[in-house]
Amino acid sequence: MLPSAPPQIPANELSPGRLWYAVAAVTAVALIVLGVVLGVYRFNNMVDAVDTDHQFANGDTFSLQLGPESERTIWIKDRGPSAAQDCNITGPGNPRLGGPGIDVFLTRDETWNPLYDIEASRTGNYKITCSSEGPSQYAIGKSGGIVTFLGGSILAVVLPVIGVSLGAVIMIVTAVRRRDHRKRLLAERL
């Protein structure tokens, strides 16, 4: 007598459902896409960090429109040995210039360093004048260059890694639990 084949267990009777495979895939894809979007956004911010088309020199007055939420920085081109760079800002409210931290912005043949962060309390037209002991070029830009980009890029890399890892864990757990449930159902039906 030939042994009979074990009874077939329909896939829809197994727990957890196959929906969890879709949840794993959607989670992985969503976090990968989020990481890529964040990386592209950070890269675009870095590329546009300094407005090198609108430079001004020692003693020149540069006008710009700012608001309380504006995050602007005064950048200096090829910061030389002179540490005596100084800038002043005038405008509505009590505008201030603060320390920008460490960063750098590179073009093909120039290096730009942040000199001051601009802090404006009210929306309006502001005037900036800078001076130094040697000839210097200045430009206004966003707060953030290569260092800021690298900091944001860490998250842009970590999110896809988390997505793939989490998706893999969900799929493995689902497969193992479905296999164990299939074994229990087969044992009950024999």
N, C-alpha and C. Protein backbone atom coordinates (compact mmCIF):
# COMPACT_ATOMS: atom_id res chain seq x y z
N MET A 1 0.84 -1.17 0.00
CA MET A 1 0.00 0.00 0.00
C MET A 1 0.89 1.23 0.00
N LEU A 2 0.54 2.14 -0.85
CA LEU A 2 1.29 3.38 -0.98
C LEU A 2 0.84 4.39 0.06
N PRO A 3 1.80 5.13 0.62
CA PRO A 3 1.39 6.15 1.59
C PRO A 3 0.63 7.26 0.86
N SER A 4 -0.36 7.76 1.51
CA SER A 4 -1.15 8.84 0.88
C SER A 4 -0.43 10.17 1.07
N ALA A 5 -0.67 11.05 0.14
CA ALA A 5 -0.06 12.38 0.20
C ALA A 5 -0.68 13.16 1.35
N PRO A 6 0.12 14.00 2.01
CA PRO A 6 -0.46 14.79 3.09
C PRO A 6 -1.50 15.75 2.53
N PRO A 7 -2.48 16.06 3.34
CA PRO A 7 -3.52 16.97 2.85
C PRO A 7 -2.93 18.35 2.51
N GLN A 8 -3.48 18.94 1.47
CA GLN A 8 -3.04 20.28 1.07
C GLN A 8 -3.69 21.32 1.99
N ILE A 9 -2.90 22.30 2.38
CA ILE A 9 -3.42 23.40 3.20
C ILE A 9 -3.55 24.62 2.28
N PRO A 10 -4.76 25.13 2.07
CA PRO A 10 -4.90 26.32 1.24
C PRO A 10 -4.14 27.51 1.86
N ALA A 11 -3.52 28.30 1.00
CA ALA A 11 -2.69 29.42 1.46
C ALA A 11 -3.48 30.43 2.28
N ASN A 12 -4.77 30.58 1.97
CA ASN A 12 -5.56 31.58 2.71
C ASN A 12 -5.91 31.14 4.13
N GLU A 13 -5.65 29.87 4.47
CA GLU A 13 -5.89 29.40 5.83
C GLU A 13 -4.69 29.65 6.75
N LEU A 14 -3.55 29.95 6.17
CA LEU A 14 -2.34 30.14 6.97
C LEU A 14 -2.32 31.53 7.60
N SER A 15 -1.71 31.55 8.77
CA SER A 15 -1.60 32.81 9.51
C SER A 15 -0.13 33.04 9.80
N PRO A 16 0.42 34.22 9.70
CA PRO A 16 -0.20 35.46 9.25
C PRO A 16 -0.44 35.44 7.74
N GLY A 17 -1.34 36.29 7.31
CA GLY A 17 -1.72 36.34 5.90
C GLY A 17 -0.61 36.85 5.00
N ARG A 18 -0.81 36.61 3.69
CA ARG A 18 0.19 37.06 2.71
C ARG A 18 0.26 38.58 2.62
N LEU A 19 -0.70 39.26 3.20
CA LEU A 19 -0.70 40.73 3.22
C LEU A 19 0.59 41.26 3.84
N TRP A 20 1.16 40.51 4.77
CA TRP A 20 2.39 40.97 5.45
C TRP A 20 3.58 41.04 4.50
N TYR A 21 3.58 40.24 3.43
CA TYR A 21 4.64 40.37 2.43
C TYR A 21 4.52 41.73 1.73
N ALA A 22 3.29 42.14 1.45
CA ALA A 22 3.07 43.45 0.82
C ALA A 22 3.46 44.58 1.79
N VAL A 23 3.14 44.40 3.08
CA VAL A 23 3.52 45.41 4.08
C VAL A 23 5.05 45.55 4.12
N ALA A 24 5.75 44.44 4.06
CA ALA A 24 7.22 44.47 4.07
C ALA A 24 7.75 45.19 2.85
N ALA A 25 7.20 44.88 1.68
CA ALA A 25 7.66 45.52 0.45
C ALA A 25 7.37 47.01 0.44
N VAL A 26 6.17 47.39 0.87
CA VAL A 26 5.80 48.82 0.90
C VAL A 26 6.68 49.57 1.89
N THR A 27 6.95 48.98 3.04
CA THR A 27 7.82 49.62 4.03
C THR A 27 9.22 49.84 3.46
N ALA A 28 9.77 48.83 2.84
CA ALA A 28 11.12 48.95 2.27
C ALA A 28 11.15 50.00 1.16
N VAL A 29 10.20 49.95 0.25
CA VAL A 29 10.17 50.91 -0.87
C VAL A 29 9.97 52.33 -0.36
N ALA A 30 9.06 52.51 0.61
CA ALA A 30 8.80 53.86 1.13
C ALA A 30 10.04 54.46 1.78
N LEU A 31 10.75 53.69 2.58
CA LEU A 31 11.95 54.23 3.23
C LEU A 31 13.09 54.44 2.24
N ILE A 32 13.19 53.61 1.23
CA ILE A 32 14.20 53.82 0.19
C ILE A 32 13.91 55.11 -0.57
N VAL A 33 12.66 55.29 -0.98
CA VAL A 33 12.28 56.51 -1.71
C VAL A 33 12.49 57.74 -0.83
N LEU A 34 12.11 57.66 0.44
CA LEU A 34 12.31 58.79 1.35
C LEU A 34 13.79 59.14 1.48
N GLY A 35 14.65 58.14 1.57
CA GLY A 35 16.08 58.38 1.65
C GLY A 35 16.62 59.04 0.39
N VAL A 36 16.17 58.58 -0.77
CA VAL A 36 16.62 59.18 -2.04
C VAL A 36 16.13 60.62 -2.16
N VAL A 37 14.87 60.87 -1.83
CA VAL A 37 14.33 62.23 -1.89
C VAL A 37 15.09 63.15 -0.94
N LEU A 38 15.36 62.68 0.26
CA LEU A 38 16.11 63.49 1.22
C LEU A 38 17.52 63.77 0.71
N GLY A 39 18.17 62.78 0.13
CA GLY A 39 19.51 62.98 -0.43
C GLY A 39 19.52 64.00 -1.56
N VAL A 40 18.55 63.92 -2.46
CA VAL A 40 18.46 64.87 -3.57
C VAL A 40 18.18 66.27 -3.04
N TYR A 41 17.27 66.38 -2.08
CA TYR A 41 16.95 67.68 -1.48
C TYR A 41 18.19 68.30 -0.83
N ARG A 42 18.92 67.51 -0.06
CA ARG A 42 20.13 68.02 0.59
C ARG A 42 21.19 68.42 -0.43
N PHE A 43 21.32 67.63 -1.49
CA PHE A 43 22.30 67.95 -2.53
C PHE A 43 21.94 69.27 -3.22
N ASN A 44 20.66 69.46 -3.55
CA ASN A 44 20.25 70.72 -4.18
C ASN A 44 20.49 71.90 -3.26
N ASN A 45 20.24 71.74 -1.97
CA ASN A 45 20.52 72.83 -1.02
C ASN A 45 22.01 73.14 -0.97
N MET A 46 22.84 72.12 -1.05
CA MET A 46 24.28 72.36 -1.00
C MET A 46 24.75 73.07 -2.27
N VAL A 47 24.24 72.66 -3.42
CA VAL A 47 24.66 73.26 -4.68
C VAL A 47 24.29 74.74 -4.73
N ASP A 48 23.15 75.09 -4.16
CA ASP A 48 22.67 76.47 -4.19
C ASP A 48 22.99 77.23 -2.91
N ALA A 49 23.92 76.75 -2.12
CA ALA A 49 24.17 77.36 -0.80
C ALA A 49 24.64 78.80 -0.90
N VAL A 50 25.52 79.13 -1.83
CA VAL A 50 26.07 80.48 -1.93
C VAL A 50 25.69 81.07 -3.28
N ASP A 51 25.14 82.27 -3.26
CA ASP A 51 24.77 82.98 -4.49
C ASP A 51 26.02 83.69 -5.03
N THR A 52 26.86 82.95 -5.73
CA THR A 52 28.13 83.50 -6.22
C THR A 52 27.93 84.50 -7.36
N ASP A 53 26.73 84.59 -7.91
CA ASP A 53 26.46 85.55 -8.98
C ASP A 53 26.27 86.96 -8.45
N HIS A 54 26.04 87.12 -7.17
CA HIS A 54 25.80 88.44 -6.56
C HIS A 54 26.80 88.67 -5.43
N GLN A 55 28.05 88.87 -5.80
CA GLN A 55 29.10 89.10 -4.82
C GLN A 55 29.22 90.60 -4.53
N PHE A 56 29.76 90.92 -3.37
CA PHE A 56 30.07 92.31 -3.04
C PHE A 56 31.42 92.35 -2.33
N ALA A 57 32.06 93.50 -2.39
CA ALA A 57 33.43 93.63 -1.87
C ALA A 57 33.45 94.48 -0.61
N ASN A 58 34.64 94.63 -0.03
CA ASN A 58 34.82 95.48 1.16
C ASN A 58 34.21 96.86 0.92
N GLY A 59 33.44 97.33 1.88
CA GLY A 59 32.87 98.66 1.82
C GLY A 59 31.60 98.77 1.00
N ASP A 60 31.28 97.78 0.17
CA ASP A 60 30.04 97.81 -0.60
C ASP A 60 28.86 97.52 0.32
N THR A 61 27.72 98.12 -0.02
CA THR A 61 26.49 97.85 0.73
C THR A 61 25.63 96.92 -0.11
N PHE A 62 25.23 95.82 0.49
CA PHE A 62 24.41 94.83 -0.19
C PHE A 62 23.03 94.84 0.45
N SER A 63 21.97 94.96 -0.36
CA SER A 63 20.59 94.99 0.15
C SER A 63 19.91 93.66 -0.14
N LEU A 64 19.13 93.21 0.82
CA LEU A 64 18.35 92.00 0.60
C LEU A 64 17.10 92.02 1.45
N GLN A 65 16.11 91.27 1.00
CA GLN A 65 14.82 91.14 1.68
C GLN A 65 14.88 89.91 2.58
N LEU A 66 14.57 90.10 3.85
CA LEU A 66 14.60 89.00 4.82
C LEU A 66 13.33 88.99 5.66
N GLY A 67 13.04 87.85 6.23
CA GLY A 67 11.96 87.70 7.19
C GLY A 67 12.45 86.91 8.38
N PRO A 68 11.61 86.76 9.40
CA PRO A 68 12.02 86.04 10.61
C PRO A 68 12.41 84.58 10.34
N GLU A 69 11.84 83.97 9.33
CA GLU A 69 12.14 82.56 9.04
C GLU A 69 13.27 82.39 8.03
N SER A 70 13.83 83.50 7.55
CA SER A 70 14.92 83.43 6.57
C SER A 70 16.18 82.90 7.24
N GLU A 71 16.76 81.90 6.63
CA GLU A 71 18.03 81.35 7.12
C GLU A 71 19.10 81.71 6.12
N ARG A 72 19.73 82.84 6.33
CA ARG A 72 20.76 83.33 5.42
C ARG A 72 22.08 83.50 6.15
N THR A 73 23.15 83.37 5.40
CA THR A 73 24.50 83.46 5.93
C THR A 73 25.33 84.35 5.02
N ILE A 74 26.23 85.12 5.62
CA ILE A 74 27.22 85.87 4.85
C ILE A 74 28.42 84.94 4.67
N TRP A 75 28.80 84.70 3.41
CA TRP A 75 29.92 83.84 3.08
C TRP A 75 31.07 84.71 2.59
N ILE A 76 32.30 84.31 2.88
CA ILE A 76 33.49 85.03 2.42
C ILE A 76 34.29 84.10 1.51
N LYS A 77 34.74 84.68 0.40
CA LYS A 77 35.49 83.91 -0.60
C LYS A 77 36.96 83.80 -0.19
N ASP A 78 37.48 82.60 -0.28
CA ASP A 78 38.91 82.35 -0.03
C ASP A 78 39.39 83.07 1.23
N ARG A 79 38.78 82.74 2.34
CA ARG A 79 39.13 83.41 3.60
C ARG A 79 40.64 83.35 3.80
N GLY A 80 41.26 84.52 3.80
CA GLY A 80 42.72 84.60 3.86
C GLY A 80 43.24 84.64 5.27
N PRO A 81 44.50 85.05 5.41
CA PRO A 81 45.14 85.07 6.72
C PRO A 81 44.57 86.16 7.63
N SER A 82 43.88 87.16 7.06
CA SER A 82 43.32 88.24 7.88
C SER A 82 42.12 87.74 8.66
N ALA A 83 42.19 87.82 9.96
CA ALA A 83 41.06 87.41 10.80
C ALA A 83 40.20 88.60 11.17
N ALA A 84 40.46 89.74 10.55
CA ALA A 84 39.78 90.97 10.94
C ALA A 84 38.59 91.30 10.03
N GLN A 85 37.90 90.28 9.53
CA GLN A 85 36.70 90.56 8.75
C GLN A 85 35.58 90.97 9.69
N ASP A 86 34.82 91.98 9.28
CA ASP A 86 33.74 92.48 10.12
C ASP A 86 32.59 92.89 9.22
N CYS A 87 31.38 92.59 9.64
CA CYS A 87 30.19 92.97 8.87
C CYS A 87 29.20 93.64 9.81
N ASN A 88 28.39 94.53 9.24
CA ASN A 88 27.33 95.20 9.98
C ASN A 88 26.04 95.05 9.20
N ILE A 89 24.92 95.00 9.91
CA ILE A 89 23.62 94.88 9.28
C ILE A 89 22.70 95.94 9.85
N THR A 90 21.91 96.57 8.99
CA THR A 90 20.90 97.54 9.42
C THR A 90 19.59 97.16 8.76
N GLY A 91 18.50 97.45 9.46
CA GLY A 91 17.18 97.16 8.93
C GLY A 91 16.16 97.21 10.04
N PRO A 92 14.91 96.85 9.73
CA PRO A 92 13.84 96.92 10.72
C PRO A 92 14.07 95.95 11.89
N GLY A 93 13.59 96.35 13.04
CA GLY A 93 13.75 95.50 14.23
C GLY A 93 15.16 95.58 14.75
N ASN A 94 15.62 94.48 15.27
CA ASN A 94 16.96 94.41 15.85
C ASN A 94 17.74 93.30 15.15
N PRO A 95 18.18 93.52 13.88
CA PRO A 95 18.91 92.45 13.19
C PRO A 95 20.27 92.22 13.84
N ARG A 96 20.68 90.95 13.82
CA ARG A 96 21.98 90.60 14.42
C ARG A 96 22.74 89.67 13.49
N LEU A 97 24.03 89.64 13.71
CA LEU A 97 24.90 88.70 13.02
C LEU A 97 25.48 87.75 14.06
N GLY A 98 25.31 86.46 13.84
CA GLY A 98 25.79 85.47 14.80
C GLY A 98 26.84 84.56 14.19
N GLY A 99 27.41 83.73 15.02
CA GLY A 99 28.42 82.78 14.57
C GLY A 99 27.81 81.68 13.73
N PRO A 100 28.40 81.36 12.58
CA PRO A 100 27.80 80.38 11.67
C PRO A 100 28.21 78.94 11.91
N GLY A 101 29.21 78.71 12.71
CA GLY A 101 29.71 77.34 12.85
C GLY A 101 30.68 77.02 11.73
N ILE A 102 31.03 75.77 11.60
CA ILE A 102 32.04 75.36 10.62
C ILE A 102 31.34 74.78 9.40
N ASP A 103 31.71 75.27 8.23
CA ASP A 103 31.20 74.72 6.98
C ASP A 103 32.08 75.21 5.85
N VAL A 104 31.83 74.75 4.66
CA VAL A 104 32.59 75.18 3.49
C VAL A 104 31.73 74.95 2.26
N PHE A 105 31.93 75.80 1.24
CA PHE A 105 31.24 75.65 -0.03
C PHE A 105 32.30 75.77 -1.11
N LEU A 106 32.36 74.81 -2.00
CA LEU A 106 33.40 74.79 -3.03
C LEU A 106 32.78 74.94 -4.41
N THR A 107 33.39 75.80 -5.23
CA THR A 107 33.06 75.84 -6.65
C THR A 107 34.27 75.29 -7.38
N ARG A 108 34.28 75.40 -8.68
CA ARG A 108 35.39 74.84 -9.45
C ARG A 108 36.73 75.44 -9.02
N ASP A 109 36.77 76.76 -8.78
CA ASP A 109 38.05 77.39 -8.46
C ASP A 109 37.99 78.31 -7.24
N GLU A 110 36.94 78.17 -6.43
CA GLU A 110 36.79 79.05 -5.26
C GLU A 110 36.42 78.23 -4.03
N THR A 111 36.80 78.77 -2.90
CA THR A 111 36.39 78.21 -1.62
C THR A 111 35.67 79.31 -0.86
N TRP A 112 34.47 78.99 -0.37
CA TRP A 112 33.68 79.96 0.40
C TRP A 112 33.51 79.42 1.81
N ASN A 113 33.67 80.30 2.79
CA ASN A 113 33.49 79.93 4.20
C ASN A 113 32.42 80.82 4.81
N PRO A 114 31.59 80.27 5.69
CA PRO A 114 30.57 81.10 6.33
C PRO A 114 31.23 82.08 7.30
N LEU A 115 30.77 83.32 7.26
CA LEU A 115 31.33 84.35 8.13
C LEU A 115 30.37 84.68 9.27
N TYR A 116 29.09 84.94 8.92
CA TYR A 116 28.07 85.26 9.93
C TYR A 116 26.73 84.68 9.50
N ASP A 117 25.94 84.24 10.48
CA ASP A 117 24.53 83.94 10.26
C ASP A 117 23.75 85.22 10.46
N ILE A 118 22.76 85.46 9.60
CA ILE A 118 21.94 86.66 9.69
C ILE A 118 20.66 86.31 10.44
N GLU A 119 20.38 87.08 11.49
CA GLU A 119 19.18 86.87 12.30
C GLU A 119 18.31 88.11 12.20
N ALA A 120 17.16 87.98 11.52
CA ALA A 120 16.22 89.09 11.34
C ALA A 120 14.95 88.78 12.11
N SER A 121 14.48 89.75 12.89
CA SER A 121 13.27 89.54 13.69
C SER A 121 12.01 89.97 12.95
N ARG A 122 12.14 90.81 11.92
CA ARG A 122 10.97 91.29 11.18
C ARG A 122 11.24 91.22 9.68
N THR A 123 10.17 91.13 8.92
CA THR A 123 10.29 91.15 7.47
C THR A 123 10.61 92.56 7.01
N GLY A 124 11.56 92.67 6.10
CA GLY A 124 11.91 93.98 5.58
C GLY A 124 13.17 93.94 4.74
N ASN A 125 13.60 95.13 4.33
CA ASN A 125 14.80 95.28 3.52
C ASN A 125 15.98 95.58 4.44
N TYR A 126 17.03 94.79 4.32
CA TYR A 126 18.19 94.93 5.19
C TYR A 126 19.41 95.29 4.34
N LYS A 127 20.32 96.03 4.95
CA LYS A 127 21.55 96.44 4.27
C LYS A 127 22.75 95.88 5.04
N ILE A 128 23.66 95.27 4.31
CA ILE A 128 24.84 94.65 4.90
C ILE A 128 26.09 95.29 4.30
N THR A 129 27.03 95.63 5.18
CA THR A 129 28.32 96.15 4.76
C THR A 129 29.40 95.35 5.47
N CYS A 130 30.42 94.94 4.71
CA CYS A 130 31.51 94.16 5.29
C CYS A 130 32.85 94.82 4.98
N SER A 131 33.81 94.56 5.86
CA SER A 131 35.16 95.09 5.64
C SER A 131 36.18 94.13 6.24
N SER A 132 37.41 94.24 5.75
CA SER A 132 38.51 93.46 6.30
C SER A 132 39.81 94.18 6.00
N GLU A 133 40.89 93.71 6.58
CA GLU A 133 42.19 94.35 6.36
C GLU A 133 42.71 94.11 4.95
N GLY A 134 42.34 93.01 4.33
CA GLY A 134 42.77 92.71 2.97
C GLY A 134 41.58 92.71 2.03
N PRO A 135 41.81 92.63 0.73
CA PRO A 135 40.69 92.59 -0.22
C PRO A 135 39.91 91.28 -0.04
N SER A 136 38.61 91.41 0.08
CA SER A 136 37.76 90.24 0.29
C SER A 136 36.50 90.35 -0.55
N GLN A 137 35.97 89.21 -0.94
CA GLN A 137 34.70 89.12 -1.64
C GLN A 137 33.71 88.40 -0.74
N TYR A 138 32.46 88.89 -0.74
CA TYR A 138 31.41 88.32 0.10
C TYR A 138 30.22 87.96 -0.77
N ALA A 139 29.39 87.06 -0.29
CA ALA A 139 28.14 86.71 -0.94
C ALA A 139 27.16 86.25 0.13
N ILE A 140 25.90 86.36 -0.18
CA ILE A 140 24.85 85.91 0.73
C ILE A 140 24.40 84.53 0.25
N GLY A 141 24.14 83.66 1.17
CA GLY A 141 23.67 82.33 0.79
C GLY A 141 22.87 81.69 1.90
N LYS A 142 22.52 80.46 1.66
CA LYS A 142 21.78 79.69 2.66
C LYS A 142 22.73 79.23 3.75
N SER A 143 22.16 78.86 4.86
CA SER A 143 22.95 78.31 5.96
C SER A 143 23.18 76.83 5.67
N GLY A 144 24.35 76.50 5.22
CA GLY A 144 24.65 75.10 4.97
C GLY A 144 25.45 74.90 3.71
N GLY A 145 26.54 74.20 3.84
CA GLY A 145 27.41 73.86 2.72
C GLY A 145 27.68 72.38 2.74
N ILE A 146 28.90 72.01 2.54
CA ILE A 146 29.27 70.59 2.43
C ILE A 146 29.11 69.86 3.76
N VAL A 147 29.50 70.48 4.86
CA VAL A 147 29.39 69.82 6.17
C VAL A 147 27.92 69.54 6.50
N THR A 148 27.06 70.52 6.24
CA THR A 148 25.62 70.34 6.48
C THR A 148 25.08 69.24 5.57
N PHE A 149 25.53 69.23 4.32
CA PHE A 149 25.10 68.20 3.37
C PHE A 149 25.49 66.81 3.87
N LEU A 150 26.72 66.66 4.33
CA LEU A 150 27.17 65.35 4.81
C LEU A 150 26.37 64.90 6.03
N GLY A 151 26.04 65.84 6.93
CA GLY A 151 25.21 65.50 8.08
C GLY A 151 23.84 65.00 7.67
N GLY A 152 23.23 65.68 6.70
CA GLY A 152 21.93 65.25 6.20
C GLY A 152 22.00 63.99 5.38
N SER A 153 23.14 63.75 4.75
CA SER A 153 23.30 62.56 3.93
C SER A 153 23.34 61.29 4.76
N ILE A 154 23.77 61.40 5.99
CA ILE A 154 23.78 60.23 6.87
C ILE A 154 22.37 59.66 6.98
N LEU A 155 21.40 60.53 7.21
CA LEU A 155 20.01 60.08 7.30
C LEU A 155 19.53 59.55 5.95
N ALA A 156 19.97 60.17 4.86
CA ALA A 156 19.57 59.72 3.52
C ALA A 156 20.10 58.32 3.22
N VAL A 157 21.19 57.92 3.85
CA VAL A 157 21.74 56.57 3.67
C VAL A 157 21.11 55.60 4.68
N VAL A 158 20.90 56.07 5.89
CA VAL A 158 20.37 55.20 6.95
C VAL A 158 18.92 54.78 6.66
N LEU A 159 18.10 55.70 6.14
CA LEU A 159 16.69 55.36 5.88
C LEU A 159 16.54 54.17 4.93
N PRO A 160 17.21 54.13 3.77
CA PRO A 160 17.08 52.94 2.93
C PRO A 160 17.60 51.66 3.59
N VAL A 161 18.67 51.77 4.37
CA VAL A 161 19.20 50.59 5.07
C VAL A 161 18.16 50.07 6.06
N ILE A 162 17.54 50.99 6.80
CA ILE A 162 16.48 50.59 7.73
C ILE A 162 15.32 49.98 6.97
N GLY A 163 14.95 50.59 5.83
CA GLY A 163 13.84 50.07 5.04
C GLY A 163 14.07 48.65 4.56
N VAL A 164 15.25 48.41 4.01
CA VAL A 164 15.57 47.06 3.52
C VAL A 164 15.63 46.07 4.68
N SER A 165 16.26 46.47 5.77
CA SER A 165 16.37 45.58 6.94
C SER A 165 15.01 45.26 7.53
N LEU A 166 14.19 46.29 7.71
CA LEU A 166 12.86 46.09 8.29
C LEU A 166 12.00 45.23 7.36
N GLY A 167 12.07 45.51 6.06
CA GLY A 167 11.32 44.69 5.10
C GLY A 167 11.75 43.24 5.14
N ALA A 168 13.06 43.00 5.22
CA ALA A 168 13.57 41.63 5.28
C ALA A 168 13.12 40.93 6.55
N VAL A 169 13.17 41.63 7.67
CA VAL A 169 12.75 41.04 8.95
C VAL A 169 11.27 40.67 8.90
N ILE A 170 10.44 41.58 8.38
CA ILE A 170 8.99 41.30 8.30
C ILE A 170 8.75 40.08 7.41
N MET A 171 9.44 40.00 6.27
CA MET A 171 9.26 38.86 5.36
C MET A 171 9.71 37.55 6.00
N ILE A 172 10.86 37.58 6.66
CA ILE A 172 11.37 36.35 7.29
C ILE A 172 10.44 35.89 8.41
N VAL A 173 10.02 36.81 9.26
CA VAL A 173 9.10 36.45 10.36
C VAL A 173 7.80 35.90 9.79
N THR A 174 7.27 36.55 8.75
CA THR A 174 6.03 36.08 8.14
C THR A 174 6.21 34.67 7.57
N ALA A 175 7.31 34.44 6.85
CA ALA A 175 7.55 33.12 6.25
C ALA A 175 7.70 32.04 7.31
N VAL A 176 8.44 32.33 8.37
CA VAL A 176 8.64 31.34 9.44
C VAL A 176 7.32 31.04 10.15
N ARG A 177 6.55 32.07 10.44
CA ARG A 177 5.27 31.84 11.14
C ARG A 177 4.28 31.10 10.25
N ARG A 178 4.27 31.40 8.96
CA ARG A 178 3.38 30.67 8.05
C ARG A 178 3.80 29.20 7.95
N ARG A 179 5.11 28.94 7.89
CA ARG A 179 5.60 27.56 7.82
C ARG A 179 5.20 26.80 9.08
N ASP A 180 5.40 27.44 10.25
CA ASP A 180 5.04 26.78 11.51
C ASP A 180 3.54 26.53 11.59
N HIS A 181 2.75 27.48 11.11
CA HIS A 181 1.29 27.29 11.14
C HIS A 181 0.89 26.16 10.19
N ARG A 182 1.54 26.06 9.04
CA ARG A 182 1.25 24.98 8.09
C ARG A 182 1.55 23.63 8.76
N LYS A 183 2.68 23.53 9.48
CA LYS A 183 3.04 22.28 10.17
C LYS A 183 1.99 21.92 11.22
N ARG A 184 1.53 22.92 11.99
CA ARG A 184 0.52 22.64 13.01
C ARG A 184 -0.79 22.16 12.37
N LEU A 185 -1.20 22.80 11.29
CA LEU A 185 -2.44 22.39 10.63
C LEU A 185 -2.31 20.98 10.04
N LEU A 186 -1.15 20.67 9.47
CA LEU A 186 -0.94 19.31 8.94
C LEU A 186 -0.98 18.28 10.05
N ALA A 187 -0.39 18.59 11.20
CA ALA A 187 -0.39 17.66 12.34
C ALA A 187 -1.81 17.43 12.84
N GLU A 188 -2.62 18.48 12.83
CA GLU A 188 -4.01 18.34 13.30
C GLU A 188 -4.84 17.50 12.34
N ARG A 189 -4.54 17.56 11.05
CA ARG A 189 -5.37 16.88 10.04
C ARG A 189 -4.93 15.44 9.80
N LEU A 190 -3.80 15.05 10.33
CA LEU A 190 -3.36 13.66 10.12
C LEU A 190 -3.91 12.73 11.13
